[in-house]
Protein backbone atom coordinates (compact mmCIF):
# COMPACT_ATOMS: atom_id res chain seq x y z
CA UNK A 1 3.60 15.04 -33.08
CA UNK A 2 2.40 12.59 -30.62
CA UNK A 3 -1.30 11.84 -30.12
CA UNK A 4 -2.87 13.28 -27.11
CA UNK A 5 -3.54 10.73 -24.29
CA UNK A 6 -6.88 9.17 -23.43
CA UNK A 7 -8.42 11.13 -19.97
CA UNK A 8 -10.93 9.36 -17.88
CA UNK A 9 -13.47 11.37 -19.72
CA UNK A 10 -12.99 9.12 -22.81
CA UNK A 11 -13.80 6.07 -20.60
CA UNK A 12 -17.50 5.05 -20.30
CA UNK A 13 -18.32 4.58 -16.94
CA UNK A 14 -21.92 3.44 -15.70
CA UNK A 15 -22.10 4.27 -11.75
CA UNK A 16 -25.19 2.26 -11.37
CA UNK A 17 -23.62 -0.95 -13.08
CA UNK A 18 -20.21 -0.14 -11.65
CA UNK A 19 -18.85 -1.00 -15.03
CA UNK A 20 -16.01 0.94 -17.42
CA UNK A 21 -15.47 0.41 -20.99
CA UNK A 22 -11.84 1.78 -22.47
CA UNK A 23 -12.05 3.87 -25.87
CA UNK A 24 -10.95 0.39 -27.33
CA UNK A 25 -14.20 -1.28 -26.27
CA UNK A 26 -12.79 -3.58 -23.88
CA UNK A 27 -14.24 -4.40 -20.25
CA UNK A 28 -11.60 -3.15 -17.20
CA UNK A 29 -11.92 -4.61 -14.03
CA UNK A 30 -13.18 -3.07 -10.99
CA UNK A 31 -10.38 -2.37 -8.23
CA UNK A 32 -12.89 -1.67 -5.19
CA UNK A 33 -16.21 0.20 -4.58
CA UNK A 34 -15.13 2.87 -2.40
CA UNK A 35 -10.93 3.59 -2.55
CA UNK A 36 -10.19 6.49 -0.97
CA UNK A 37 -6.72 8.54 -2.41
CA UNK A 38 -5.96 11.76 -1.16
CA UNK A 39 -9.16 12.04 0.47
CA UNK A 40 -11.14 11.60 -2.34
CA UNK A 41 -13.62 8.50 -2.66
CA UNK A 42 -13.81 6.97 -6.10
CA UNK A 43 -13.89 3.95 -7.65
CA UNK A 44 -11.26 2.52 -9.59
CA UNK A 45 -10.70 0.21 -12.40
CA UNK A 46 -7.71 -1.66 -14.28
CA UNK A 47 -7.57 -3.16 -17.69
CA UNK A 48 -6.76 -6.82 -18.49
CA UNK A 49 -3.30 -7.90 -19.57
CA UNK A 50 -4.82 -9.61 -22.67
CA UNK A 51 -6.59 -6.36 -23.85
CA UNK A 52 -4.06 -4.10 -23.40
CA UNK A 53 -0.74 -5.60 -24.12
CA UNK A 54 -1.90 -6.25 -27.86
CA UNK A 55 -4.17 -3.15 -27.97
CA UNK A 56 -3.71 -0.69 -30.94
CA UNK A 57 -4.66 2.45 -29.11
CA UNK A 58 -1.78 1.65 -26.54
CA UNK A 59 0.37 4.97 -27.15
CA UNK A 60 -2.77 6.97 -26.63
CA UNK A 61 -4.13 5.17 -23.32
CA UNK A 62 -0.60 4.70 -21.53
CA UNK A 63 2.16 7.63 -20.63
CA UNK A 64 5.01 4.97 -21.05
CA UNK A 65 3.57 2.12 -23.25
CA UNK A 66 7.10 0.24 -23.08
CA UNK A 67 6.80 -0.49 -19.29
CA UNK A 68 3.28 0.03 -18.47
CA UNK A 69 1.07 -3.21 -18.70
CA UNK A 70 -2.39 -2.23 -18.14
CA UNK A 71 -3.93 1.15 -17.64
CA UNK A 72 -5.71 2.08 -14.26
CA UNK A 73 -8.56 4.79 -14.59
CA UNK A 74 -10.21 5.97 -11.51
CA UNK A 75 -13.52 8.15 -10.97
CA UNK A 76 -14.40 10.38 -8.01
CA UNK A 77 -17.46 10.70 -6.37
CA UNK A 78 -15.75 13.17 -3.75
CA UNK A 79 -14.44 13.87 -0.41
CA UNK A 80 -14.24 11.42 1.62
CA UNK A 81 -17.01 11.85 4.99
CA UNK A 82 -14.94 13.47 8.05
CA UNK A 83 -16.78 11.20 10.13
CA UNK A 84 -15.06 8.45 9.07
CA UNK A 85 -12.35 7.63 11.49
CA UNK A 86 -8.98 5.91 10.07
CA UNK A 87 -6.33 4.19 11.67
CA UNK A 88 -4.01 6.88 11.59
CA UNK A 89 -6.40 8.98 13.58
CA UNK A 90 -6.90 6.15 15.79
CA UNK A 91 -3.27 6.11 16.67
CA UNK A 92 -2.68 9.82 16.84
CA UNK A 93 -5.24 10.04 19.42
CA UNK A 94 -3.62 6.84 21.05
CA UNK A 95 -0.20 8.78 21.21
CA UNK A 96 -1.77 11.96 22.36
CA UNK A 97 -2.88 10.08 25.95
CA UNK A 98 -0.67 10.49 28.94
CA UNK A 99 1.00 7.74 28.72
CA UNK A 100 1.75 9.09 24.98
CA UNK A 101 4.64 7.34 22.77
CA UNK A 102 6.43 5.58 25.70
CA UNK A 103 3.31 3.24 25.97
CA UNK A 104 2.48 1.02 29.55
CA UNK A 105 5.49 0.59 31.40
CA UNK A 106 6.23 -3.13 32.33
CA UNK A 107 7.80 -3.97 35.60
CA UNK A 108 11.93 -3.85 35.70
CA UNK A 109 13.11 -7.10 34.45
CA UNK A 110 14.61 -9.55 37.42
CA UNK A 111 17.03 -10.85 34.37
CA UNK A 112 20.79 -9.98 35.03
CA UNK A 113 21.96 -7.49 32.39
CA UNK A 114 23.77 -8.12 29.49
CA UNK A 115 27.46 -8.51 29.65
CA UNK A 116 28.27 -6.61 26.61
CA UNK A 117 31.73 -4.98 26.75
CA UNK A 118 32.30 -6.04 30.09
CA UNK A 119 34.93 -9.20 31.33
CA UNK A 120 33.33 -12.13 32.08
CA UNK A 121 33.29 -13.81 35.13
CA UNK A 122 36.21 -16.89 35.17
CA UNK A 123 35.15 -20.30 34.40
CA UNK A 124 36.74 -22.97 36.14
CA UNK A 125 39.13 -24.71 33.85
CA UNK A 126 38.44 -28.52 33.21
CA UNK A 127 41.61 -30.16 32.07
CA UNK A 128 41.01 -32.48 28.93
CA UNK A 129 42.29 -35.97 29.72
CA UNK A 130 46.06 -36.17 28.58
CA UNK A 131 47.01 -39.85 27.16
CA UNK A 132 50.52 -41.14 27.93
């Protein structure tokens, strides 16, 4: 029978020092202070290749140890503040304006339209010089 996988509660997380230690006793690298995943703000950590690849606890730590190189773990603090304006929110506000998706119109082009699918105007034929 397979051993149960480690959960984030099996890792030692120090929120004040912003550090994380895996069950094997190795320190993990921080991937950012306030990462947002599905609306949850949390701190993400990642194991080092030099520690995870030779680890004896790999089978308990990774779902697919044959293909996954290092362990990632996240500790969530709660929901994202709704007052924070995201890029997506700003773009939705721009699209909801009177101009909408079309955006500001530029004046019509003065350039001649492309001649796709239409016959070109005949060019004067310049005969190549002939040698006697």
